[in-house]
Amino acid sequence: MGNRLFQQARSRVEQAELMVKQASTPEELAEASTEIGKARNDLSSAFAQSTTAEKRQLADLQNQVDALENSLPEYR
């Protein structure tokens, strides 16, 4: 069995990516932003329980989350 927290973090990042790509209204953008925050939390939780190889993958996922956040348009 793999690292559950690692798997959860990876799934959350995938979900955040999907939500960002599909978001078209201010409400959907807000939900995507919330999902990005959840992904960050999951990545942080997973890091402490991960092997060196997993930590490298988590760093890549963190970069993806950063890019997602930077791709969100400003809305008000």
Protein backbone atom coordinates (compact mmCIF):
# COMPACT_ATOMS: atom_id res chain seq x y z
CA MET A 1 0.00 0.00 0.00
CA GLY A 2 1.33 3.43 -0.93
CA ASN A 3 1.48 6.58 1.09
CA ARG A 4 -2.17 7.57 1.54
CA LEU A 5 -1.38 11.25 2.13
CA PHE A 6 0.76 11.34 -1.01
CA GLN A 7 -2.05 9.78 -3.06
CA GLN A 8 -4.57 12.20 -1.58
CA ALA A 9 -2.37 15.20 -2.39
CA ARG A 10 -1.88 14.07 -5.97
CA SER A 11 -5.63 13.55 -6.40
CA ARG A 12 -6.38 16.96 -4.92
CA VAL A 13 -3.96 18.66 -7.32
CA GLU A 14 -5.63 16.86 -10.24
CA GLN A 15 -9.04 18.02 -8.99
CA ALA A 16 -7.79 21.60 -8.65
CA GLU A 17 -6.43 21.51 -12.21
CA LEU A 18 -9.77 20.32 -13.53
CA MET A 19 -11.68 22.98 -11.61
CA VAL A 20 -9.39 25.76 -12.83
CA LYS A 21 -9.72 24.62 -16.45
CA GLN A 22 -13.51 24.45 -16.23
CA ALA A 23 -14.09 27.64 -14.23
CA SER A 24 -15.85 30.38 -16.15
CA THR A 25 -17.86 32.32 -13.58
CA PRO A 26 -16.68 34.24 -10.52
CA GLU A 27 -18.26 31.58 -8.32
CA GLU A 28 -16.46 28.76 -10.13
CA LEU A 29 -13.20 30.69 -9.92
CA ALA A 30 -13.72 31.10 -6.18
CA GLU A 31 -14.36 27.36 -5.83
CA ALA A 32 -11.22 26.62 -7.86
CA SER A 33 -9.23 28.93 -5.61
CA THR A 34 -10.56 27.10 -2.56
CA GLU A 35 -9.57 23.79 -4.12
CA ILE A 36 -6.07 25.14 -4.72
CA GLY A 37 -5.87 25.94 -1.01
CA LYS A 38 -6.95 22.41 -0.15
CA ALA A 39 -4.31 21.05 -2.51
CA ARG A 40 -1.66 23.13 -0.75
CA ASN A 41 -2.77 21.76 2.62
CA ASP A 42 -2.72 18.18 1.36
CA LEU A 43 0.74 18.66 -0.12
CA SER A 44 2.01 20.03 3.17
CA SER A 45 0.53 17.12 5.12
CA ALA A 46 1.96 14.56 2.71
CA PHE A 47 5.46 16.01 2.76
CA ALA A 48 6.21 15.00 6.35
CA GLN A 49 5.23 11.38 5.73
CA SER A 50 6.97 10.92 2.38
CA THR A 51 10.09 9.26 1.10
CA THR A 52 12.76 11.26 -0.69
CA ALA A 53 11.39 10.19 -4.08
CA GLU A 54 7.86 11.16 -3.07
CA LYS A 55 9.13 14.52 -1.80
CA ARG A 56 10.56 15.23 -5.25
CA GLN A 57 7.20 14.42 -6.80
CA LEU A 58 5.43 16.55 -4.22
CA ALA A 59 7.72 19.46 -5.11
CA ASP A 60 6.67 19.04 -8.75
CA LEU A 61 3.02 19.00 -7.69
CA GLN A 62 3.61 22.15 -5.65
CA ASN A 63 4.98 23.82 -8.77
CA GLN A 64 1.81 22.78 -10.62
CA VAL A 65 -0.32 24.30 -7.86
CA ASP A 66 1.69 27.53 -8.03
CA ALA A 67 1.13 27.67 -11.79
CA LEU A 68 -2.59 27.02 -11.33
CA GLU A 69 -2.89 29.82 -8.82
CA ASN A 70 -1.01 32.19 -11.11
CA SER A 71 -3.29 31.26 -14.00
CA LEU A 72 -6.47 32.27 -12.19
CA PRO A 73 -7.81 35.57 -13.50
CA GLU A 74 -8.62 38.32 -11.07
CA TYR A 75 -12.31 38.53 -10.34
CA ARG A 76 -14.42 40.79 -8.20
